[in-house]
Amino acid sequence: MIGRVERPMEKVQKPLRSRVYALARWLHLYASMLSLLVVLFFAATGITLNHPEWVFGNAQTIHTYQGTLPQDWQQRGEIDWLKTAETLRATYGLRGQVSDTRADDQEASISFRAPGYAADAFISRADGSYTLKVVAQGPVAVLNDLHRGRDAGPAWAWLIDLSGGFLLLVALTGFVLSLYFRKTRSAALSVALVGAGGLLLLVWLAIR
């Protein structure tokens, strides 16, 4: 008796519709998990940013210092901004990045900026004497500046861009998934159209 030769089972290719659904569900799930804390952060700081009258966590401290820079802070009429910045930073523990430097024949100034933080030094070019004003705001103001991306550096700017990309991915994949459920498809599309119309109306009212 001749035995039957069993052929290996061929892998069945899933329909395109099923593959798109599986990919959208996978992207939606993991993009949501990756961006969860980002959504919570920007949601909370969006509320505090919209209510500057709220005073909790917004207290600020202001300190003023005076001193004289070392003699080599300028040579041959040229200011060594790096030496000046590092001298002030080491003396007073300044933080943030140097955001602005200016100079004329009588006075030079240098500014340090970080979220919720500002330090400005005004220096006499005649003798190197200076006045330094440091303003440090409360934690809510710091978080609000992070929300804006103000004075937060390039790494934080990249985070904001990536966060926007993740949120866009979550929204688009969620919309795609809503189209796969027949029972709720019409309702989902209706709600999306109402939401879009409401947003456009609010934009129109805001720019009038």
N, C-alpha and C. Protein backbone atom coordinates (compact mmCIF):
# COMPACT_ATOMS: atom_id res chain seq x y z
N MET A 1 0.85 -1.19 0.00
CA MET A 1 0.00 0.00 0.00
C MET A 1 0.88 1.24 0.00
N ILE A 2 0.60 2.05 -0.91
CA ILE A 2 1.41 3.25 -1.06
C ILE A 2 0.90 4.31 -0.11
N GLY A 3 1.81 4.79 0.79
CA GLY A 3 1.40 5.80 1.77
C GLY A 3 1.22 7.17 1.12
N ARG A 4 0.35 7.92 1.74
CA ARG A 4 0.11 9.27 1.21
C ARG A 4 1.23 10.22 1.63
N VAL A 5 1.62 11.05 0.74
CA VAL A 5 2.63 12.06 1.04
C VAL A 5 1.92 13.33 1.47
N GLU A 6 2.12 13.67 2.76
CA GLU A 6 1.47 14.87 3.28
C GLU A 6 2.24 16.12 2.89
N ARG A 7 1.54 17.03 2.34
CA ARG A 7 2.15 18.30 1.96
C ARG A 7 2.12 19.26 3.15
N PRO A 8 3.17 20.00 3.31
CA PRO A 8 3.16 20.98 4.41
C PRO A 8 2.05 21.99 4.20
N MET A 9 1.44 22.37 5.32
CA MET A 9 0.33 23.33 5.26
C MET A 9 0.85 24.69 4.81
N GLU A 10 0.18 25.22 3.82
CA GLU A 10 0.56 26.53 3.34
C GLU A 10 0.05 27.61 4.28
N LYS A 11 0.87 28.59 4.51
CA LYS A 11 0.48 29.69 5.38
C LYS A 11 -0.56 30.56 4.69
N VAL A 12 -1.68 30.69 5.39
CA VAL A 12 -2.78 31.46 4.82
C VAL A 12 -2.52 32.94 5.02
N GLN A 13 -2.55 33.70 3.95
CA GLN A 13 -2.35 35.14 4.01
C GLN A 13 -3.64 35.81 4.48
N LYS A 14 -3.53 36.58 5.55
CA LYS A 14 -4.70 37.28 6.07
C LYS A 14 -5.12 38.38 5.10
N PRO A 15 -6.41 38.64 5.02
CA PRO A 15 -6.88 39.74 4.16
C PRO A 15 -6.27 41.07 4.60
N LEU A 16 -6.16 41.98 3.65
CA LEU A 16 -5.58 43.30 3.93
C LEU A 16 -6.34 44.02 5.03
N ARG A 17 -7.65 43.89 5.04
CA ARG A 17 -8.48 44.54 6.06
C ARG A 17 -8.07 44.09 7.47
N SER A 18 -7.85 42.79 7.61
CA SER A 18 -7.47 42.25 8.93
C SER A 18 -6.08 42.71 9.33
N ARG A 19 -5.17 42.77 8.36
CA ARG A 19 -3.81 43.21 8.68
C ARG A 19 -3.78 44.67 9.07
N VAL A 20 -4.55 45.52 8.37
CA VAL A 20 -4.62 46.94 8.73
C VAL A 20 -5.20 47.11 10.12
N TYR A 21 -6.24 46.35 10.42
CA TYR A 21 -6.86 46.43 11.75
C TYR A 21 -5.87 46.03 12.84
N ALA A 22 -5.15 44.92 12.64
CA ALA A 22 -4.19 44.44 13.63
C ALA A 22 -3.07 45.46 13.84
N LEU A 23 -2.58 46.04 12.74
CA LEU A 23 -1.51 47.04 12.85
C LEU A 23 -2.01 48.29 13.57
N ALA A 24 -3.19 48.76 13.21
CA ALA A 24 -3.74 49.96 13.86
C ALA A 24 -3.95 49.73 15.35
N ARG A 25 -4.45 48.54 15.72
CA ARG A 25 -4.67 48.24 17.14
C ARG A 25 -3.35 48.18 17.89
N TRP A 26 -2.34 47.57 17.28
CA TRP A 26 -1.02 47.47 17.92
C TRP A 26 -0.41 48.86 18.11
N LEU A 27 -0.43 49.68 17.06
CA LEU A 27 0.12 51.03 17.16
C LEU A 27 -0.64 51.88 18.17
N HIS A 28 -1.96 51.76 18.17
CA HIS A 28 -2.77 52.55 19.10
C HIS A 28 -2.46 52.18 20.54
N LEU A 29 -2.34 50.89 20.82
CA LEU A 29 -2.10 50.43 22.18
C LEU A 29 -0.75 50.92 22.70
N TYR A 30 0.31 50.67 21.94
CA TYR A 30 1.64 50.97 22.45
C TYR A 30 1.98 52.46 22.35
N ALA A 31 1.47 53.14 21.36
CA ALA A 31 1.66 54.60 21.32
C ALA A 31 0.95 55.25 22.49
N SER A 32 -0.23 54.73 22.85
CA SER A 32 -0.96 55.27 24.00
C SER A 32 -0.17 55.07 25.29
N MET A 33 0.43 53.89 25.44
CA MET A 33 1.20 53.63 26.65
C MET A 33 2.46 54.49 26.72
N LEU A 34 3.12 54.67 25.58
CA LEU A 34 4.33 55.49 25.56
C LEU A 34 4.03 56.95 25.85
N SER A 35 2.89 57.41 25.39
CA SER A 35 2.58 58.84 25.54
C SER A 35 1.67 59.13 26.72
N LEU A 36 1.40 58.14 27.57
CA LEU A 36 0.47 58.34 28.68
C LEU A 36 0.90 59.47 29.59
N LEU A 37 2.14 59.41 30.08
CA LEU A 37 2.62 60.45 30.99
C LEU A 37 2.71 61.80 30.30
N VAL A 38 3.05 61.77 29.01
CA VAL A 38 3.13 63.03 28.26
C VAL A 38 1.75 63.68 28.18
N VAL A 39 0.72 62.87 27.91
CA VAL A 39 -0.65 63.40 27.85
C VAL A 39 -1.05 63.98 29.19
N LEU A 40 -0.76 63.25 30.28
CA LEU A 40 -1.11 63.74 31.61
C LEU A 40 -0.39 65.05 31.92
N PHE A 41 0.90 65.13 31.55
CA PHE A 41 1.68 66.33 31.83
C PHE A 41 1.12 67.54 31.08
N PHE A 42 0.92 67.40 29.77
CA PHE A 42 0.47 68.54 28.99
C PHE A 42 -0.99 68.89 29.28
N ALA A 43 -1.78 67.90 29.69
CA ALA A 43 -3.16 68.20 30.07
C ALA A 43 -3.19 69.04 31.35
N ALA A 44 -2.42 68.62 32.36
CA ALA A 44 -2.41 69.34 33.63
C ALA A 44 -1.82 70.74 33.48
N THR A 45 -0.69 70.85 32.78
CA THR A 45 -0.06 72.16 32.63
C THR A 45 -0.83 73.06 31.67
N GLY A 46 -1.61 72.46 30.78
CA GLY A 46 -2.47 73.28 29.93
C GLY A 46 -3.53 74.01 30.76
N ILE A 47 -4.03 73.33 31.81
CA ILE A 47 -5.01 73.97 32.69
C ILE A 47 -4.36 75.08 33.51
N THR A 48 -3.21 74.79 34.12
CA THR A 48 -2.55 75.82 34.94
C THR A 48 -2.07 76.98 34.08
N LEU A 49 -1.66 76.70 32.85
CA LEU A 49 -1.22 77.77 31.95
C LEU A 49 -2.38 78.68 31.56
N ASN A 50 -3.57 78.10 31.50
CA ASN A 50 -4.75 78.87 31.12
C ASN A 50 -5.33 79.68 32.28
N HIS A 51 -4.76 79.47 33.47
CA HIS A 51 -5.27 80.19 34.65
C HIS A 51 -4.10 80.82 35.42
N PRO A 52 -3.49 81.87 34.85
CA PRO A 52 -2.36 82.51 35.53
C PRO A 52 -2.74 83.17 36.85
N GLU A 53 -4.05 83.36 37.07
CA GLU A 53 -4.47 83.97 38.33
C GLU A 53 -4.37 83.01 39.50
N TRP A 54 -4.23 81.72 39.22
CA TRP A 54 -4.05 80.76 40.32
C TRP A 54 -2.68 80.98 40.93
N VAL A 55 -2.63 81.16 42.23
CA VAL A 55 -1.38 81.58 42.89
C VAL A 55 -0.61 80.41 43.50
N PHE A 56 -1.21 79.24 43.64
CA PHE A 56 -0.48 78.14 44.27
C PHE A 56 0.71 77.73 43.41
N GLY A 57 1.86 77.58 44.05
CA GLY A 57 3.06 77.15 43.33
C GLY A 57 3.67 78.18 42.43
N ASN A 58 3.21 79.43 42.52
CA ASN A 58 3.72 80.48 41.63
C ASN A 58 4.58 81.51 42.35
N ALA A 59 4.81 81.31 43.64
CA ALA A 59 5.63 82.28 44.39
C ALA A 59 7.03 82.34 43.79
N GLN A 60 7.59 83.56 43.75
CA GLN A 60 8.91 83.72 43.19
C GLN A 60 9.83 84.41 44.19
N THR A 61 11.10 84.12 44.06
CA THR A 61 12.11 84.75 44.91
C THR A 61 13.02 85.59 44.03
N ILE A 62 13.41 86.76 44.54
CA ILE A 62 14.28 87.67 43.80
C ILE A 62 15.49 88.00 44.66
N HIS A 63 16.66 87.81 44.12
CA HIS A 63 17.91 88.13 44.82
C HIS A 63 18.74 89.05 43.93
N THR A 64 19.37 90.02 44.56
CA THR A 64 20.25 90.95 43.86
C THR A 64 21.64 90.90 44.48
N TYR A 65 22.64 90.76 43.63
CA TYR A 65 24.03 90.66 44.10
C TYR A 65 24.86 91.73 43.40
N GLN A 66 25.95 92.08 44.04
CA GLN A 66 26.90 93.01 43.45
C GLN A 66 28.32 92.48 43.65
N GLY A 67 29.17 92.78 42.70
CA GLY A 67 30.56 92.32 42.80
C GLY A 67 31.39 92.92 41.67
N THR A 68 32.59 92.37 41.54
CA THR A 68 33.52 92.85 40.50
C THR A 68 34.15 91.63 39.83
N LEU A 69 34.17 91.64 38.52
CA LEU A 69 34.77 90.54 37.78
C LEU A 69 36.29 90.61 37.82
N PRO A 70 36.98 89.47 37.62
CA PRO A 70 38.44 89.49 37.52
C PRO A 70 38.89 90.39 36.37
N GLN A 71 40.10 90.87 36.46
CA GLN A 71 40.59 91.85 35.48
C GLN A 71 40.64 91.30 34.05
N ASP A 72 40.78 89.99 33.91
CA ASP A 72 40.92 89.43 32.56
C ASP A 72 39.57 89.10 31.92
N TRP A 73 38.47 89.65 32.44
CA TRP A 73 37.17 89.38 31.82
C TRP A 73 37.04 90.03 30.45
N GLN A 74 37.89 91.06 30.21
CA GLN A 74 37.98 91.63 28.87
C GLN A 74 39.44 91.96 28.59
N GLN A 75 39.84 91.73 27.37
CA GLN A 75 41.22 91.98 26.95
C GLN A 75 41.22 92.71 25.62
N ARG A 76 41.99 93.80 25.59
CA ARG A 76 42.10 94.62 24.39
C ARG A 76 40.72 95.07 23.90
N GLY A 77 39.87 95.37 24.84
CA GLY A 77 38.55 95.87 24.50
C GLY A 77 37.55 94.82 24.07
N GLU A 78 37.97 93.53 24.07
CA GLU A 78 37.08 92.44 23.68
C GLU A 78 36.66 91.67 24.93
N ILE A 79 35.36 91.42 25.06
CA ILE A 79 34.83 90.72 26.24
C ILE A 79 34.95 89.22 26.04
N ASP A 80 35.49 88.53 27.05
CA ASP A 80 35.52 87.07 27.05
C ASP A 80 34.21 86.59 27.69
N TRP A 81 33.21 86.36 26.85
CA TRP A 81 31.88 86.01 27.37
C TRP A 81 31.88 84.67 28.08
N LEU A 82 32.67 83.72 27.61
CA LEU A 82 32.72 82.42 28.26
C LEU A 82 33.27 82.53 29.67
N LYS A 83 34.39 83.25 29.82
CA LYS A 83 34.97 83.44 31.14
C LYS A 83 34.01 84.20 32.06
N THR A 84 33.34 85.21 31.49
CA THR A 84 32.40 86.00 32.29
C THR A 84 31.24 85.12 32.77
N ALA A 85 30.70 84.32 31.85
CA ALA A 85 29.57 83.46 32.21
C ALA A 85 29.97 82.43 33.26
N GLU A 86 31.12 81.80 33.07
CA GLU A 86 31.55 80.76 34.01
C GLU A 86 31.91 81.34 35.37
N THR A 87 32.45 82.56 35.39
CA THR A 87 32.76 83.21 36.67
C THR A 87 31.48 83.47 37.46
N LEU A 88 30.48 84.03 36.81
CA LEU A 88 29.20 84.30 37.48
C LEU A 88 28.50 83.01 37.88
N ARG A 89 28.57 82.01 37.02
CA ARG A 89 27.90 80.74 37.30
C ARG A 89 28.54 80.06 38.53
N ALA A 90 29.86 80.09 38.58
CA ALA A 90 30.55 79.46 39.71
C ALA A 90 30.36 80.23 41.00
N THR A 91 30.32 81.55 40.91
CA THR A 91 30.21 82.37 42.12
C THR A 91 28.83 82.27 42.76
N TYR A 92 27.78 82.23 41.93
CA TYR A 92 26.41 82.29 42.46
C TYR A 92 25.58 81.04 42.17
N GLY A 93 26.21 80.04 41.59
CA GLY A 93 25.46 78.81 41.30
C GLY A 93 24.35 79.02 40.28
N LEU A 94 24.60 79.87 39.30
CA LEU A 94 23.59 80.15 38.30
C LEU A 94 23.34 78.91 37.45
N ARG A 95 22.13 78.78 36.99
CA ARG A 95 21.78 77.67 36.11
C ARG A 95 21.15 78.19 34.83
N GLY A 96 20.86 77.26 33.94
CA GLY A 96 20.29 77.65 32.66
C GLY A 96 21.36 77.95 31.63
N GLN A 97 20.91 78.32 30.45
CA GLN A 97 21.81 78.62 29.34
C GLN A 97 21.94 80.13 29.16
N VAL A 98 23.09 80.52 28.62
CA VAL A 98 23.26 81.93 28.28
C VAL A 98 22.37 82.23 27.07
N SER A 99 21.42 83.14 27.27
CA SER A 99 20.45 83.41 26.21
C SER A 99 20.72 84.70 25.45
N ASP A 100 21.49 85.61 26.08
CA ASP A 100 21.68 86.91 25.43
C ASP A 100 22.93 87.58 25.98
N THR A 101 23.69 88.19 25.11
CA THR A 101 24.84 89.02 25.52
C THR A 101 24.80 90.31 24.72
N ARG A 102 25.05 91.42 25.42
CA ARG A 102 25.06 92.73 24.76
C ARG A 102 26.17 93.58 25.34
N ALA A 103 26.66 94.50 24.54
CA ALA A 103 27.73 95.37 25.02
C ALA A 103 27.76 96.66 24.21
N ASP A 104 28.05 97.76 24.92
CA ASP A 104 28.36 99.02 24.25
C ASP A 104 29.61 99.59 24.92
N ASP A 105 29.91 100.85 24.72
CA ASP A 105 31.14 101.42 25.27
C ASP A 105 31.13 101.52 26.79
N GLN A 106 29.96 101.62 27.39
CA GLN A 106 29.88 101.82 28.84
C GLN A 106 29.48 100.56 29.62
N GLU A 107 28.62 99.73 29.04
CA GLU A 107 28.05 98.64 29.82
C GLU A 107 27.91 97.37 28.99
N ALA A 108 28.05 96.24 29.68
CA ALA A 108 27.80 94.94 29.05
C ALA A 108 26.76 94.21 29.89
N SER A 109 26.03 93.33 29.26
CA SER A 109 25.03 92.54 29.99
C SER A 109 25.04 91.11 29.48
N ILE A 110 24.73 90.19 30.37
CA ILE A 110 24.64 88.78 30.03
C ILE A 110 23.46 88.18 30.78
N SER A 111 22.70 87.32 30.10
CA SER A 111 21.47 86.76 30.67
C SER A 111 21.52 85.24 30.64
N PHE A 112 21.01 84.64 31.71
CA PHE A 112 20.87 83.19 31.81
C PHE A 112 19.37 82.88 31.91
N ARG A 113 18.96 81.84 31.19
CA ARG A 113 17.55 81.47 31.20
C ARG A 113 17.37 79.96 31.35
N ALA A 114 16.35 79.60 32.15
CA ALA A 114 15.90 78.22 32.29
C ALA A 114 14.41 78.30 32.59
N PRO A 115 13.67 77.20 32.47
CA PRO A 115 12.24 77.26 32.80
C PRO A 115 12.00 77.81 34.21
N GLY A 116 11.23 78.90 34.29
CA GLY A 116 10.93 79.52 35.58
C GLY A 116 12.10 80.19 36.25
N TYR A 117 13.12 80.53 35.47
CA TYR A 117 14.35 81.06 36.07
C TYR A 117 14.97 82.09 35.13
N ALA A 118 15.45 83.20 35.71
CA ALA A 118 16.12 84.24 34.92
C ALA A 118 17.19 84.90 35.77
N ALA A 119 18.37 85.09 35.20
CA ALA A 119 19.46 85.80 35.86
C ALA A 119 20.06 86.77 34.86
N ASP A 120 20.15 88.05 35.25
CA ASP A 120 20.65 89.09 34.37
C ASP A 120 21.74 89.88 35.09
N ALA A 121 22.89 89.97 34.46
CA ALA A 121 24.02 90.72 35.02
C ALA A 121 24.31 91.93 34.15
N PHE A 122 24.47 93.08 34.79
CA PHE A 122 24.82 94.32 34.10
C PHE A 122 26.19 94.77 34.61
N ILE A 123 27.15 94.88 33.69
CA ILE A 123 28.55 95.04 34.04
C ILE A 123 29.08 96.36 33.51
N SER A 124 29.78 97.09 34.36
CA SER A 124 30.45 98.32 33.94
C SER A 124 31.73 97.95 33.22
N ARG A 125 31.91 98.44 32.02
CA ARG A 125 33.12 98.11 31.26
C ARG A 125 34.33 98.88 31.78
N ALA A 126 34.09 99.91 32.57
CA ALA A 126 35.22 100.70 33.09
C ALA A 126 36.00 99.93 34.14
N ASP A 127 35.30 99.28 35.09
CA ASP A 127 36.01 98.63 36.19
C ASP A 127 35.56 97.19 36.45
N GLY A 128 34.62 96.66 35.66
CA GLY A 128 34.17 95.28 35.84
C GLY A 128 33.19 95.08 36.98
N SER A 129 32.72 96.13 37.60
CA SER A 129 31.72 95.98 38.65
C SER A 129 30.38 95.63 38.02
N TYR A 130 29.58 94.86 38.74
CA TYR A 130 28.32 94.39 38.15
C TYR A 130 27.22 94.32 39.19
N THR A 131 26.02 94.31 38.68
CA THR A 131 24.83 94.03 39.48
C THR A 131 24.13 92.84 38.84
N LEU A 132 23.85 91.84 39.65
CA LEU A 132 23.23 90.61 39.17
C LEU A 132 21.87 90.44 39.84
N LYS A 133 20.83 90.25 39.02
CA LYS A 133 19.48 90.02 39.53
C LYS A 133 19.05 88.61 39.14
N VAL A 134 18.65 87.81 40.14
CA VAL A 134 18.23 86.43 39.92
C VAL A 134 16.77 86.29 40.34
N VAL A 135 15.94 85.84 39.43
CA VAL A 135 14.52 85.62 39.70
C VAL A 135 14.22 84.14 39.50
N ALA A 136 13.77 83.47 40.58
CA ALA A 136 13.41 82.05 40.52
C ALA A 136 11.93 81.92 40.86
N GLN A 137 11.16 81.39 39.94
CA GLN A 137 9.73 81.24 40.14
C GLN A 137 9.40 79.88 40.75
N GLY A 138 8.13 79.72 41.16
CA GLY A 138 7.68 78.50 41.81
C GLY A 138 7.54 77.33 40.85
N PRO A 139 7.23 76.13 41.40
CA PRO A 139 7.18 74.92 40.57
C PRO A 139 6.12 74.95 39.48
N VAL A 140 4.97 75.59 39.74
CA VAL A 140 3.94 75.65 38.70
C VAL A 140 4.41 76.48 37.52
N ALA A 141 5.08 77.59 37.79
CA ALA A 141 5.63 78.42 36.72
C ALA A 141 6.68 77.65 35.92
N VAL A 142 7.48 76.84 36.61
CA VAL A 142 8.48 76.02 35.92
C VAL A 142 7.79 75.05 34.97
N LEU A 143 6.74 74.37 35.46
CA LEU A 143 6.01 73.42 34.61
C LEU A 143 5.32 74.11 33.44
N ASN A 144 4.82 75.32 33.68
CA ASN A 144 4.18 76.06 32.59
C ASN A 144 5.20 76.42 31.50
N ASP A 145 6.40 76.79 31.90
CA ASP A 145 7.45 77.10 30.91
C ASP A 145 7.85 75.83 30.14
N LEU A 146 7.86 74.69 30.83
CA LEU A 146 8.15 73.43 30.14
C LEU A 146 7.05 73.13 29.12
N HIS A 147 5.81 73.42 29.47
CA HIS A 147 4.70 73.23 28.54
C HIS A 147 4.92 74.06 27.28
N ARG A 148 5.36 75.31 27.46
CA ARG A 148 5.62 76.19 26.31
C ARG A 148 6.89 75.80 25.56
N GLY A 149 7.79 75.07 26.23
CA GLY A 149 9.09 74.81 25.64
C GLY A 149 10.03 75.98 25.78
N ARG A 150 9.73 76.89 26.72
CA ARG A 150 10.51 78.12 26.85
C ARG A 150 11.81 77.86 27.63
N ASP A 151 12.93 78.22 27.01
CA ASP A 151 14.25 78.15 27.67
C ASP A 151 14.55 76.75 28.20
N ALA A 152 14.04 75.71 27.54
CA ALA A 152 14.21 74.35 28.05
C ALA A 152 15.29 73.56 27.31
N GLY A 153 15.88 74.14 26.29
CA GLY A 153 16.96 73.46 25.60
C GLY A 153 16.49 72.56 24.47
N PRO A 154 17.42 72.12 23.62
CA PRO A 154 17.06 71.32 22.43
C PRO A 154 16.50 69.94 22.76
N ALA A 155 16.97 69.31 23.86
CA ALA A 155 16.47 67.98 24.20
C ALA A 155 14.98 68.02 24.50
N TRP A 156 14.55 69.04 25.25
CA TRP A 156 13.13 69.17 25.56
C TRP A 156 12.33 69.51 24.31
N ALA A 157 12.91 70.28 23.41
CA ALA A 157 12.23 70.59 22.15
C ALA A 157 11.99 69.31 21.34
N TRP A 158 12.97 68.41 21.34
CA TRP A 158 12.80 67.12 20.67
C TRP A 158 11.69 66.31 21.33
N LEU A 159 11.62 66.36 22.67
CA LEU A 159 10.57 65.63 23.37
C LEU A 159 9.19 66.15 22.99
N ILE A 160 9.05 67.47 22.87
CA ILE A 160 7.77 68.05 22.47
C ILE A 160 7.39 67.58 21.06
N ASP A 161 8.35 67.57 20.15
CA ASP A 161 8.08 67.11 18.78
C ASP A 161 7.66 65.64 18.77
N LEU A 162 8.39 64.81 19.52
CA LEU A 162 8.05 63.39 19.57
C LEU A 162 6.69 63.17 20.22
N SER A 163 6.40 63.96 21.25
CA SER A 163 5.11 63.85 21.93
C SER A 163 3.97 64.18 20.96
N GLY A 164 4.16 65.26 20.19
CA GLY A 164 3.16 65.60 19.20
C GLY A 164 2.96 64.50 18.17
N GLY A 165 4.06 63.86 17.77
CA GLY A 165 3.97 62.75 16.82
C GLY A 165 3.21 61.57 17.39
N PHE A 166 3.50 61.23 18.66
CA PHE A 166 2.80 60.12 19.31
C PHE A 166 1.31 60.41 19.45
N LEU A 167 0.97 61.63 19.85
CA LEU A 167 -0.44 61.98 20.02
C LEU A 167 -1.17 61.95 18.68
N LEU A 168 -0.50 62.40 17.62
CA LEU A 168 -1.09 62.33 16.29
C LEU A 168 -1.33 60.88 15.88
N LEU A 169 -0.36 60.01 16.19
CA LEU A 169 -0.50 58.59 15.87
C LEU A 169 -1.65 57.95 16.65
N VAL A 170 -1.76 58.29 17.94
CA VAL A 170 -2.85 57.76 18.75
C VAL A 170 -4.20 58.19 18.19
N ALA A 171 -4.32 59.46 17.82
CA ALA A 171 -5.59 59.96 17.30
C ALA A 171 -5.96 59.29 15.98
N LEU A 172 -5.00 59.17 15.07
CA LEU A 172 -5.29 58.61 13.75
C LEU A 172 -5.61 57.12 13.83
N THR A 173 -4.84 56.38 14.62
CA THR A 173 -5.13 54.94 14.76
C THR A 173 -6.44 54.71 15.49
N GLY A 174 -6.77 55.56 16.45
CA GLY A 174 -8.07 55.45 17.12
C GLY A 174 -9.21 55.68 16.14
N PHE A 175 -9.04 56.66 15.23
CA PHE A 175 -10.06 56.92 14.23
C PHE A 175 -10.20 55.74 13.28
N VAL A 176 -9.07 55.17 12.88
CA VAL A 176 -9.12 54.01 11.98
C VAL A 176 -9.84 52.85 12.66
N LEU A 177 -9.53 52.59 13.93
CA LEU A 177 -10.18 51.49 14.66
C LEU A 177 -11.69 51.70 14.76
N SER A 178 -12.11 52.96 14.92
CA SER A 178 -13.55 53.22 15.04
C SER A 178 -14.30 52.86 13.77
N LEU A 179 -13.61 52.85 12.63
CA LEU A 179 -14.26 52.53 11.37
C LEU A 179 -14.49 51.03 11.19
N TYR A 180 -13.85 50.21 12.02
CA TYR A 180 -13.96 48.76 11.88
C TYR A 180 -15.17 48.18 12.63
N PHE A 181 -15.80 48.95 13.47
CA PHE A 181 -16.92 48.45 14.25
C PHE A 181 -18.22 48.97 13.62
N ARG A 182 -18.95 48.07 12.98
CA ARG A 182 -20.13 48.50 12.24
C ARG A 182 -21.20 49.11 13.14
N LYS A 183 -21.36 48.54 14.34
CA LYS A 183 -22.42 48.99 15.23
C LYS A 183 -22.21 50.44 15.69
N THR A 184 -20.95 50.83 15.84
CA THR A 184 -20.66 52.17 16.36
C THR A 184 -20.04 53.10 15.32
N ARG A 185 -19.88 52.62 14.09
CA ARG A 185 -19.19 53.41 13.07
C ARG A 185 -19.92 54.73 12.79
N SER A 186 -21.23 54.64 12.57
CA SER A 186 -22.00 55.85 12.25
C SER A 186 -21.97 56.84 13.41
N ALA A 187 -22.14 56.33 14.63
CA ALA A 187 -22.12 57.21 15.80
C ALA A 187 -20.75 57.86 15.97
N ALA A 188 -19.67 57.07 15.76
CA ALA A 188 -18.32 57.61 15.91
C ALA A 188 -18.05 58.71 14.89
N LEU A 189 -18.48 58.49 13.64
CA LEU A 189 -18.28 59.50 12.61
C LEU A 189 -19.10 60.75 12.90
N SER A 190 -20.30 60.55 13.39
CA SER A 190 -21.15 61.71 13.72
C SER A 190 -20.53 62.55 14.83
N VAL A 191 -20.04 61.86 15.88
CA VAL A 191 -19.40 62.58 16.98
C VAL A 191 -18.15 63.29 16.51
N ALA A 192 -17.36 62.64 15.63
CA ALA A 192 -16.15 63.27 15.10
C ALA A 192 -16.50 64.53 14.31
N LEU A 193 -17.56 64.48 13.50
CA LEU A 193 -17.96 65.65 12.72
C LEU A 193 -18.46 66.77 13.63
N VAL A 194 -19.22 66.41 14.67
CA VAL A 194 -19.69 67.42 15.61
C VAL A 194 -18.51 68.06 16.33
N GLY A 195 -17.54 67.24 16.76
CA GLY A 195 -16.36 67.77 17.43
C GLY A 195 -15.55 68.69 16.54
N ALA A 196 -15.37 68.28 15.28
CA ALA A 196 -14.62 69.12 14.34
C ALA A 196 -15.35 70.44 14.10
N GLY A 197 -16.66 70.36 13.96
CA GLY A 197 -17.42 71.59 13.76
C GLY A 197 -17.35 72.51 14.96
N GLY A 198 -17.42 71.93 16.17
CA GLY A 198 -17.30 72.74 17.38
C GLY A 198 -15.94 73.39 17.50
N LEU A 199 -14.90 72.66 17.13
CA LEU A 199 -13.55 73.23 17.18
C LEU A 199 -13.40 74.38 16.20
N LEU A 200 -13.89 74.20 14.99
CA LEU A 200 -13.80 75.27 14.00
C LEU A 200 -14.58 76.51 14.45
N LEU A 201 -15.73 76.28 15.09
CA LEU A 201 -16.51 77.40 15.59
C LEU A 201 -15.74 78.16 16.67
N LEU A 202 -15.10 77.42 17.58
CA LEU A 202 -14.33 78.07 18.64
C LEU A 202 -13.13 78.81 18.08
N VAL A 203 -12.48 78.24 17.05
CA VAL A 203 -11.36 78.94 16.41
C VAL A 203 -11.84 80.25 15.78
N TRP A 204 -13.00 80.19 15.11
CA TRP A 204 -13.55 81.38 14.47
C TRP A 204 -13.88 82.45 15.50
N LEU A 205 -14.46 82.04 16.63
CA LEU A 205 -14.78 83.00 17.68
C LEU A 205 -13.52 83.59 18.32
N ALA A 206 -12.45 82.75 18.42
CA ALA A 206 -11.22 83.21 19.08
C ALA A 206 -10.47 84.23 18.25
N ILE A 207 -10.55 84.11 16.92
CA ILE A 207 -9.74 85.01 16.08
C ILE A 207 -10.53 86.23 15.61
N ARG A 208 -11.78 86.33 15.99
CA ARG A 208 -12.57 87.50 15.58
C ARG A 208 -12.09 88.75 16.29
